[in-house]
Protein backbone atom coordinates (compact mmCIF):
# COMPACT_ATOMS: atom_id res chain seq x y z
CA MET A 1 -29.79 -7.58 9.74
CA ILE A 2 -27.06 -10.24 9.82
CA LYS A 3 -27.58 -13.58 11.60
CA GLU A 4 -24.47 -15.50 12.68
CA ASN A 5 -24.81 -19.14 13.77
CA HIS A 6 -22.35 -20.53 16.31
CA PHE A 7 -21.93 -23.88 18.05
CA LEU A 8 -24.12 -23.12 21.08
CA TYR A 9 -26.02 -20.03 20.02
CA SER A 10 -26.85 -17.57 17.25
CA VAL A 11 -26.43 -13.79 17.19
CA ALA A 12 -28.42 -11.27 15.14
CA ARG A 13 -26.83 -7.89 14.56
CA PRO A 14 -27.02 -4.92 12.20
CA ASP A 15 -24.09 -4.39 9.86
CA ASP A 16 -21.14 -2.85 11.72
CA LEU A 17 -21.47 0.35 9.72
CA ASP A 18 -24.93 0.88 11.22
CA TRP A 19 -23.69 0.99 14.80
CA TRP A 20 -25.50 4.31 15.39
CA LEU A 21 -29.17 3.34 15.17
CA GLY A 22 -31.08 5.35 17.75
CA ALA A 23 -33.70 4.00 20.17
CA ASP A 24 -36.54 3.57 17.65
CA ALA A 25 -34.32 1.82 15.11
CA GLU A 26 -32.91 -0.44 17.84
CA SER A 27 -36.43 -1.54 18.78
CA ILE A 28 -37.22 -2.38 15.16
CA GLN A 29 -33.96 -4.32 14.80
CA LEU A 30 -34.71 -6.23 18.02
CA LEU A 31 -38.08 -7.30 16.62
CA ARG A 32 -36.32 -8.50 13.46
CA ALA A 33 -33.87 -10.46 15.62
CA ILE A 34 -36.79 -12.20 17.37
CA GLU A 35 -38.33 -13.03 13.99
CA SER A 36 -35.01 -14.46 12.74
CA GLY A 37 -34.93 -17.01 15.58
CA ALA A 38 -31.61 -15.75 16.98
CA ASN A 39 -30.77 -16.27 20.67
CA MET A 40 -29.23 -12.83 21.14
CA TYR A 41 -29.36 -9.41 19.51
CA SER A 42 -26.07 -7.47 19.44
CA TYR A 43 -25.51 -3.82 18.58
CA TRP A 44 -23.05 -0.95 19.11
CA SER A 45 -23.62 2.15 21.21
CA GLU A 46 -21.63 5.02 22.69
CA PHE A 47 -23.18 4.68 26.13
CA SER A 48 -22.40 2.11 28.83
CA ASN A 49 -25.79 1.28 30.31
CA HIS A 50 -26.21 -2.47 29.88
CA GLN A 51 -24.93 -5.39 31.96
CA TYR A 52 -24.01 -7.56 28.95
CA GLN A 53 -21.40 -5.63 27.02
CA LEU A 54 -17.91 -5.59 25.48
CA THR A 55 -15.67 -2.57 24.96
CA ASP A 56 -13.95 -1.57 21.73
CA GLN A 57 -12.70 1.62 20.08
CA PHE A 58 -12.29 3.27 16.71
CA ALA A 59 -10.37 6.25 15.34
CA GLY A 60 -12.82 9.01 14.60
CA ILE A 61 -13.22 12.73 14.10
CA PRO A 62 -16.35 14.02 15.88
CA VAL A 63 -17.77 16.41 13.29
CA SER A 64 -19.18 19.51 14.93
CA SER A 65 -17.88 22.09 12.46
CA TYR A 66 -14.96 22.49 10.08
CA ALA A 67 -13.64 25.42 12.15
CA ASP A 68 -13.54 23.30 15.31
CA TRP A 69 -11.53 20.59 13.54
CA TRP A 70 -9.16 23.13 11.97
CA ASN A 71 -8.43 24.66 15.37
CA SER A 72 -7.88 21.23 16.95
CA ILE A 73 -5.09 20.07 14.61
CA SER A 74 -1.44 21.06 15.01
CA ARG A 75 0.20 24.00 13.26
CA LYS A 76 2.36 21.58 11.27
CA THR A 77 -0.70 19.82 9.83
CA ARG A 78 -2.34 23.14 8.97
CA ASN A 79 0.83 24.23 7.17
CA MET A 80 0.83 20.98 5.18
CA VAL A 81 -2.72 21.71 4.01
CA ARG A 82 -1.70 25.26 3.03
CA LYS A 83 1.32 23.86 1.18
CA ALA A 84 -0.93 21.63 -0.92
CA GLN A 85 -3.10 24.62 -1.77
CA LYS A 86 -0.06 26.68 -2.81
CA LEU A 87 1.15 23.85 -5.05
CA GLY A 88 -2.14 24.05 -6.93
CA LEU A 89 -3.68 20.75 -5.82
CA THR A 90 -7.39 20.41 -6.45
CA VAL A 91 -9.92 17.99 -4.94
CA GLN A 92 -12.80 16.41 -6.83
CA ARG A 93 -15.69 14.14 -5.82
CA MET A 94 -16.18 11.30 -8.27
CA ALA A 95 -17.55 7.80 -8.69
CA PHE A 96 -15.30 4.86 -9.49
CA ASN A 97 -14.49 4.86 -13.23
CA ASP A 98 -11.76 3.88 -15.70
CA GLU A 99 -9.64 6.94 -14.87
CA LEU A 100 -9.71 6.12 -11.17
CA LEU A 101 -8.99 2.46 -11.91
CA ALA A 102 -5.87 3.48 -13.88
CA ALA A 103 -4.80 5.81 -11.05
CA THR A 104 -5.27 3.02 -8.48
CA TYR A 105 -3.19 0.68 -10.65
CA ALA A 106 -0.38 3.27 -10.80
CA ILE A 107 -0.45 3.78 -7.02
CA TYR A 108 -0.56 0.05 -6.22
CA ASN A 109 2.32 -0.76 -8.55
CA GLU A 110 4.58 2.18 -7.76
CA SER A 111 6.62 0.29 -5.17
CA PRO A 112 6.64 -3.22 -3.63
CA THR A 113 7.22 -1.67 -0.19
CA ARG A 114 5.77 1.14 1.88
CA GLN A 115 7.29 2.29 5.17
CA ASN A 116 9.89 -0.51 4.84
CA ARG A 117 7.17 -3.17 4.74
CA ALA A 118 5.93 -5.33 1.88
CA PHE A 119 2.92 -3.70 0.16
CA PRO A 120 0.35 -6.49 -0.52
CA PRO A 121 -1.51 -4.77 -3.43
CA TYR A 122 1.72 -4.45 -5.43
CA GLY A 123 1.57 -6.38 -8.69
CA ARG A 124 -2.23 -6.49 -9.01
CA ASN A 125 -3.70 -5.89 -12.46
CA THR A 126 -6.75 -3.74 -13.18
CA LYS A 127 -9.15 -6.71 -13.22
CA ARG A 128 -8.01 -7.84 -9.76
CA ILE A 129 -8.23 -4.27 -8.42
CA ALA A 130 -11.83 -3.91 -9.59
CA MET A 131 -12.78 -7.28 -8.04
CA ASP A 132 -11.06 -6.52 -4.73
CA ARG A 133 -12.78 -3.13 -4.51
CA GLU A 134 -16.18 -4.82 -4.47
CA LYS A 135 -15.03 -7.26 -1.77
CA THR A 136 -13.94 -4.47 0.60
CA LEU A 137 -17.38 -2.87 0.62
CA PRO A 138 -19.47 -3.79 3.69
CA GLN A 139 -22.61 -5.87 3.33
CA TYR A 140 -24.85 -2.89 4.01
CA TYR A 141 -23.95 0.72 3.32
CA HIS A 142 -25.74 3.91 2.32
CA GLY A 143 -23.56 5.12 -0.52
CA GLU A 144 -19.95 5.49 -1.61
CA GLU A 145 -17.79 7.91 -3.57
CA TYR A 146 -14.17 8.98 -3.96
CA LEU A 147 -12.34 12.17 -3.10
CA VAL A 148 -9.38 12.52 -5.46
CA ALA A 149 -6.48 14.97 -5.33
CA ARG A 150 -5.18 16.20 -8.68
CA HIS A 151 -1.84 17.79 -9.52
CA ASN A 152 -1.58 19.27 -13.01
CA GLY A 153 -4.76 17.39 -13.86
CA LYS A 154 -3.40 13.97 -12.82
CA ILE A 155 -4.83 11.93 -9.91
CA ILE A 156 -2.07 11.55 -7.31
CA ALA A 157 -4.09 10.45 -4.24
CA TYR A 158 -7.60 9.41 -3.24
CA ILE A 159 -9.88 8.53 -0.33
CA HIS A 160 -12.62 5.94 -0.77
CA LEU A 161 -15.61 7.17 1.28
CA VAL A 162 -18.33 4.78 2.46
CA TYR A 163 -21.42 6.33 4.09
CA THR A 164 -23.56 5.02 6.95
CA ARG A 165 -26.76 6.61 8.23
CA ASP A 166 -24.98 9.55 9.82
CA SER A 167 -21.23 8.89 9.50
CA VAL A 168 -18.61 8.34 6.82
CA MET A 169 -15.80 5.79 6.84
CA PHE A 170 -12.41 5.97 5.08
CA ASN A 171 -12.40 2.58 3.35
CA GLU A 172 -9.02 3.26 1.68
CA ILE A 173 -6.66 6.22 1.57
CA LEU A 174 -3.57 6.11 -0.66
CA GLY A 175 -1.35 8.31 -2.83
CA LEU A 176 1.67 8.20 -5.10
CA MET A 177 4.89 8.08 -3.08
CA LYS A 178 6.71 10.34 -5.55
CA HIS A 179 4.15 13.08 -4.76
CA ARG A 180 4.20 12.64 -0.97
CA ASN A 181 5.91 16.03 -0.56
CA THR A 182 2.76 17.70 -1.91
CA SER A 183 0.86 16.75 1.31
CA ALA A 184 -2.00 15.45 -0.85
CA ILE A 185 -3.29 13.06 1.84
CA ASN A 186 -3.54 15.84 4.45
CA PHE A 187 -5.32 18.01 1.88
CA LEU A 188 -7.83 15.23 1.15
CA ILE A 189 -8.61 14.75 4.85
CA ASN A 190 -9.13 18.51 5.12
CA GLU A 191 -11.66 18.38 2.27
CA ALA A 192 -13.33 15.27 3.75
CA VAL A 193 -13.94 17.15 7.01
CA LYS A 194 -15.48 20.05 5.05
CA LEU A 195 -17.74 17.60 3.22
CA ALA A 196 -18.79 15.79 6.41
CA SER A 197 -19.52 19.12 8.10
CA ASP A 198 -21.68 20.28 5.17
CA MET A 199 -23.56 16.95 5.20
CA LYS A 200 -24.16 17.22 8.99
CA LEU A 201 -22.53 13.84 9.64
CA LYS A 202 -21.71 12.69 13.16
CA TYR A 203 -18.30 11.02 12.72
CA ILE A 204 -15.50 10.42 10.24
CA ILE A 205 -14.27 6.87 10.94
CA TYR A 206 -10.83 5.54 9.99
CA GLY A 207 -10.26 2.06 11.47
CA LYS A 208 -8.86 1.71 14.96
CA LEU A 209 -6.33 3.93 16.72
CA ALA A 210 -3.14 1.91 17.25
CA ASN A 211 0.23 2.87 18.72
CA ASN A 212 2.18 2.95 15.45
CA ASN A 213 3.11 5.36 12.64
CA LEU A 214 -0.39 5.21 11.16
CA GLY A 215 -1.81 5.95 14.60
CA LYS A 216 0.42 9.03 14.91
CA PHE A 217 -0.69 10.15 11.45
CA LYS A 218 -4.34 9.85 12.51
CA LEU A 219 -3.74 11.83 15.71
CA ASN A 220 -1.95 14.58 13.77
CA ASN A 221 -4.97 14.89 11.49
CA GLY A 222 -7.51 15.27 14.28
CA PHE A 223 -8.61 11.68 14.85
CA GLU A 224 -9.14 10.56 18.41
CA LYS A 225 -9.87 7.29 20.19
CA ILE A 226 -13.63 6.90 20.60
CA LYS A 227 -14.77 4.19 22.98
CA MET A 228 -17.68 2.04 21.87
CA TYR A 229 -19.75 -0.61 23.63
CA ARG A 230 -21.18 -3.73 22.00
CA TYR A 231 -24.31 -4.84 23.81
CA PHE A 232 -25.88 -8.30 23.87
CA ALA A 233 -29.64 -8.49 24.51
CA PRO A 234 -31.08 -11.98 25.17
CA VAL A 235 -34.02 -12.77 22.89
CA ASN A 236 -35.09 -16.12 24.41
CA ILE A 237 -34.26 -18.47 27.30
CA ARG A 238 -31.12 -19.84 25.64
CA GLY A 239 -29.97 -16.30 24.96
CA LYS A 240 -30.53 -15.40 28.61
CA LEU A 241 -28.41 -18.39 29.70
CA ILE A 242 -25.62 -17.52 27.22
CA CYS A 243 -25.57 -13.93 28.47
CA SER A 244 -25.62 -14.95 32.15
CA LEU A 245 -22.59 -17.23 31.62
CA ARG A 246 -20.84 -14.51 29.53
CA ILE A 247 -20.38 -17.03 26.72
CA TYR A 248 -21.03 -14.22 24.23
CA LYS A 249 -17.42 -13.16 24.87
CA TRP A 250 -16.31 -16.27 22.99
CA TRP A 251 -17.99 -14.89 19.88
CA TYR A 252 -16.01 -11.64 20.06
CA TYR A 253 -12.62 -12.51 21.52
CA GLY A 254 -12.64 -16.03 20.05
CA GLY A 255 -13.22 -14.61 16.58
CA ARG A 256 -10.36 -12.15 16.95
CA LEU A 257 -8.07 -14.91 18.27
CA LYS A 258 -9.08 -17.16 15.35
CA ASP A 259 -8.22 -14.40 12.85
CA LYS A 260 -4.84 -13.87 14.49
CA ILE A 261 -4.04 -17.61 14.47
CA LEU A 262 -5.02 -17.78 10.78
CA ARG A 263 -2.73 -14.83 9.92
CA ILE A 264 0.21 -16.39 11.78
CA SER A 265 -0.45 -19.81 10.21
CA LYS A 266 -0.61 -18.37 6.69
CA SER A 267 2.63 -16.48 7.26
CA PHE A 268 4.35 -19.63 8.60
CA ILE A 269 3.12 -21.78 5.70
CA ARG A 270 4.11 -19.14 3.14
CA LYS A 271 7.60 -18.85 4.63
CA HIS A 272 8.32 -22.59 4.67
CA LEU A 273 6.58 -23.24 1.36
CA SER A 274 8.96 -20.79 -0.31
CA LYS A 275 11.91 -22.74 1.14
CA ILE A 276 10.52 -26.00 -0.25
CA LYS A 277 9.93 -24.41 -3.65
CA ARG A 278 13.52 -23.14 -3.73
CA LYS A 279 14.77 -26.69 -3.10
CA ILE A 280 12.54 -28.25 -5.76
CA PHE A 281 12.78 -25.60 -8.46
CA LYS A 282 15.83 -23.88 -9.87
CA PRO A 283 16.39 -20.65 -7.91
CA LYS A 284 16.01 -17.36 -9.78
CA THR A 285 19.26 -15.57 -9.06
CA TYR A 286 20.90 -12.40 -10.28
CA PRO A 287 23.31 -12.81 -13.27
CA VAL A 288 26.36 -12.88 -10.98
CA HIS A 289 28.59 -14.22 -13.76
CA LEU A 290 28.72 -10.65 -15.09
CA LEU A 291 30.53 -9.55 -11.93
CA ASP A 292 33.59 -11.64 -12.81
CA ASP A 293 34.39 -9.09 -15.50
CA CYS A 294 33.64 -5.97 -13.43
CA GLU A 295 35.71 -3.87 -11.02
CA THR A 296 33.26 -1.01 -10.36
CA VAL A 297 29.50 -1.12 -9.73
CA ALA A 298 26.77 1.54 -9.45
CA SER A 299 23.31 0.48 -8.24
CA PHE A 300 20.24 2.75 -8.36
CA PHE A 301 16.83 2.53 -6.64
CA THR A 302 18.34 0.30 -3.98
CA THR A 303 16.09 0.39 -0.90
CA ALA A 304 13.11 -1.65 -2.15
CA LEU A 305 12.63 -4.92 -0.19
CA GLN A 306 15.74 -4.09 1.88
CA GLY A 307 17.73 -7.32 2.38
CA ASN A 308 15.91 -9.21 -0.39
CA ASN A 309 16.93 -7.03 -3.32
CA ASP A 310 19.83 -7.14 -5.82
CA LEU A 311 22.38 -5.86 -3.30
CA ARG A 312 22.58 -9.19 -1.50
CA TYR A 313 24.18 -10.72 -4.62
CA PHE A 314 26.88 -8.03 -4.67
CA TYR A 315 27.43 -8.53 -0.94
CA ASN A 316 27.81 -12.32 -1.25
CA TYR A 317 30.07 -11.95 -4.30
CA GLU A 318 32.45 -9.71 -2.36
CA LYS A 319 33.14 -12.60 0.00
CA LYS A 320 35.35 -14.06 -2.71
CA ARG A 321 36.47 -10.89 -4.53
CA LYS A 322 36.27 -7.22 -3.58
CA PHE A 323 35.13 -4.53 -5.98
CA LYS A 324 37.32 -1.46 -6.41
CA GLU A 325 34.27 0.76 -6.02
CA ILE A 326 30.55 0.30 -5.45
CA ILE A 327 27.99 3.09 -4.97
CA LEU A 328 24.32 2.76 -3.99
CA VAL A 329 21.83 5.54 -4.78
CA ASP A 330 18.27 6.07 -3.52
CA ASN A 331 16.28 9.07 -2.27
CA ASP A 332 14.82 7.12 0.68
CA ARG A 333 16.89 8.34 3.63
CA ALA A 334 15.51 5.88 6.19
CA GLY A 335 15.82 2.96 3.79
CA THR A 336 19.39 3.88 2.89
CA ARG A 337 20.29 4.14 6.57
CA ALA A 338 18.92 0.61 7.06
CA LEU A 339 21.09 -0.65 4.17
CA THR A 340 24.26 0.59 5.88
CA LYS A 341 23.53 -1.90 8.68
CA LEU A 342 22.86 -4.78 6.28
CA TYR A 343 25.79 -4.40 3.90
CA SER A 344 29.46 -3.43 3.71
CA ALA A 345 30.76 -0.30 5.40
CA ASP A 346 33.20 0.08 2.48
CA TRP A 347 30.38 0.82 0.04
CA GLU A 348 29.34 4.39 -0.72
CA TYR A 349 25.70 5.14 0.16
CA ARG A 350 24.18 8.23 -1.48
CA VAL A 351 20.79 9.67 -0.55
CA ALA A 352 19.82 11.43 -3.78
CA ASP A 353 17.43 11.39 -6.71
CA ALA A 354 18.71 8.64 -9.00
CA PHE A 355 18.09 10.51 -12.26
CA GLU A 356 19.86 13.65 -11.01
CA GLN A 357 22.74 11.54 -9.73
CA VAL A 358 23.18 9.81 -13.12
CA GLU A 359 23.35 13.20 -14.81
CA ASN A 360 26.01 14.38 -12.34
CA ILE A 361 28.03 11.20 -12.87
CA TYR A 362 27.86 11.73 -16.63
CA LEU A 363 28.97 15.37 -16.33
CA ASP A 364 31.89 14.24 -14.15
CA LYS A 365 32.84 11.80 -16.95
CA LYS A 366 32.63 8.88 -14.55
CA ARG A 367 31.78 5.36 -15.81
CA TYR A 368 31.11 2.05 -14.10
CA ASP A 369 31.68 -1.48 -15.38
CA LEU A 370 28.23 -2.59 -14.24
CA VAL A 371 25.22 -0.33 -13.67
CA ASN A 372 22.24 -1.91 -11.90
CA CYS A 373 18.72 -0.40 -11.95
CA ASP A 374 16.26 -2.10 -9.58
CA ILE A 375 13.42 0.17 -10.70
CA TRP A 376 9.76 -0.01 -9.72
CA ILE A 377 7.45 -1.58 -12.28
CA SER A 378 5.47 1.66 -12.67
CA MET A 379 8.63 3.54 -13.70
CA ILE A 380 9.47 1.27 -16.66
CA PRO A 381 7.76 3.30 -19.43
CA ASP A 382 9.33 6.59 -18.31
CA PHE A 383 12.72 4.94 -17.80
CA PHE A 384 12.92 3.44 -21.29
CA LYS A 385 11.42 6.46 -23.05
CA THR A 386 13.42 9.20 -21.30
CA HIS A 387 16.24 8.17 -18.98
CA LEU A 388 17.85 5.10 -20.56
CA PRO A 389 20.45 6.96 -22.73
CA LEU A 390 22.16 8.56 -19.71
CA PHE A 391 22.40 5.22 -17.92
CA VAL A 392 24.00 3.73 -21.03
CA LYS A 393 26.49 6.61 -21.20
CA ILE A 394 27.79 5.95 -17.66
CA THR A 395 28.11 2.18 -18.34
CA ASN A 396 31.37 0.57 -19.45
CA LYS A 397 30.16 -3.00 -19.94
CA TYR A 398 26.77 -4.08 -18.61
CA LEU A 399 23.51 -2.34 -17.73
CA VAL A 400 21.08 -4.57 -15.78
CA VAL A 401 17.48 -3.31 -15.58
CA THR A 402 14.53 -4.86 -13.73
CA MET A 403 11.45 -4.86 -15.97
CA GLY A 404 7.97 -6.36 -16.17
CA ARG A 405 6.44 -8.00 -19.22
CA HIS A 406 3.03 -6.30 -19.10
CA SER A 407 4.53 -2.87 -18.38
CA PHE A 408 6.87 -3.08 -21.38
CA GLU A 409 4.31 -4.52 -23.77
CA SER A 410 1.64 -1.95 -22.82
CA PHE A 411 3.78 1.08 -23.75
CA ALA A 412 5.99 -0.45 -26.48
CA GLY A 413 3.20 -2.32 -28.26
CA LEU A 414 5.54 -5.29 -28.81
CA PRO A 415 5.94 -8.73 -27.22
CA LEU A 416 8.85 -8.76 -24.77
CA THR A 417 11.67 -10.64 -26.52
CA LEU A 418 15.42 -10.07 -26.80
CA ILE A 419 15.25 -8.80 -30.37
CA ASN A 420 12.17 -6.59 -29.79
CA LEU A 421 13.71 -4.96 -26.73
CA GLU A 422 17.02 -4.38 -28.53
CA ASN A 423 15.34 -2.91 -31.62
CA PHE A 424 13.08 -0.70 -29.50
CA ILE A 425 16.04 0.79 -27.61
CA ASN A 426 18.24 1.28 -30.67
CA ASN A 427 15.44 2.78 -32.76
CA ALA A 428 14.17 5.08 -30.00
CA HIS A 429 17.56 6.42 -28.90
CA LYS A 430 20.03 5.53 -31.69
CA LEU A 431 22.21 3.66 -29.21
CA SER A 432 24.76 0.96 -29.92
CA ILE A 433 23.72 -1.74 -27.45
CA SER A 434 22.94 -5.45 -27.44
CA VAL A 435 20.34 -7.13 -25.22
CA VAL A 436 22.13 -10.37 -24.37
CA ASP A 437 19.62 -11.95 -21.97
CA LEU A 438 16.24 -11.67 -20.26
CA LYS A 439 16.80 -13.57 -17.02
CA ASP A 440 13.68 -14.69 -15.15
CA ARG A 441 13.34 -12.93 -11.78
CA LYS A 442 9.73 -13.37 -10.61
CA SER A 443 6.73 -14.91 -12.35
CA SER A 444 3.87 -13.73 -10.12
CA TRP A 445 3.98 -9.97 -10.91
CA ASP A 446 3.23 -8.01 -14.06
CA GLY A 447 3.10 -11.09 -16.27
CA GLY A 448 6.68 -11.95 -15.34
CA VAL A 449 9.55 -9.79 -14.08
CA TYR A 450 13.02 -10.06 -15.63
CA TRP A 451 16.56 -8.78 -15.39
CA ALA A 452 17.25 -7.30 -18.83
CA ILE A 453 21.01 -7.58 -19.44
CA ILE A 454 22.15 -4.87 -21.84
CA GLN A 455 25.72 -4.97 -23.15
CA VAL A 456 27.16 -1.60 -24.13
CA ASN A 457 29.13 -1.86 -27.37
């Protein structure tokens, strides 16, 4: 039982995960509300049979049987589940542990954006992830576990399941973007329905059903809009007066309005605070002085953050001097299409895997004066261990690589300094390069993010 005190009244309610209580349980909860001294008792129900009520909805799968759900989803979704099975994906139930923490870290830090929007968990370390996980759990729940999808033994996606008396809620559902073609998320939902059916649960709950891409995804996977009613039962004379005047609506709609105002205010403050900081502190800008000595540019992994990435520096530089050639490479088709509207029509935009494209450029004996790699933090170990030599081979003068301090130090076992980075590269790959600068890019992620400027000798 949760008691909430407001200016004119107080409300007692069960935790929102216990919305399905049943008549006997509701009577017990009402007695507890009377004992707590609250003016009103509030609870959820599926049925509209009370004069003091508010309407809401959630996205849910009514669990009758697995076969019923399978027949209700589209052929495309069924084929995606079959595809995951053919690719050898396996699903495992597990509790939160160090392996899952490492997998969550990899997923959170794979990309700063998802669906062309900033991804808030990006840049969080393992300690912060573990702390935030505890905060997202409701006050009262009846158990939790994870469903994880594995590909070649590695965790590539997961669903965090939180159980109520007779339902299960998706608290979080995420996967690695580079494995999105495996349909791991669809496969996990398929297994979650099987599990809920075996456990005789009433609903699978996944937030609300909105009119956006996530809403379409939910509909495609069998979720539907389920209408719910929040009832308010007066416990004493003040509660009766509050209900008669419909003041209880302030508690619900006022709270939602307050949350919206807070979100807008935080966004406004954050936006203008960043402008003030840029005026007070020295701005962290791309090493544009390198461009004075360059005629051709190749930039890889270009769609992250859209108009706020490295490309804006090339675009602004071209206002005073045009490059002979500039190519941009990324495998994100929608993101690349958006870039064509932001930047020059004279640039060449290629939708392709960056590593395959570098190999093709090398085989064609093509070289560029400056090669820019705006890679994701999670790709840094693999980039420096495996792919760096080819990028050096297609570079005439400068190779600029985005890198994080913690990511480098965790796999290299060395502090990130100019000499350590240079020695690591030359010893690992027998290359003739010089690391001429580590230019500060962002201090709030990964212990500090830098542009590593590598001069090819």
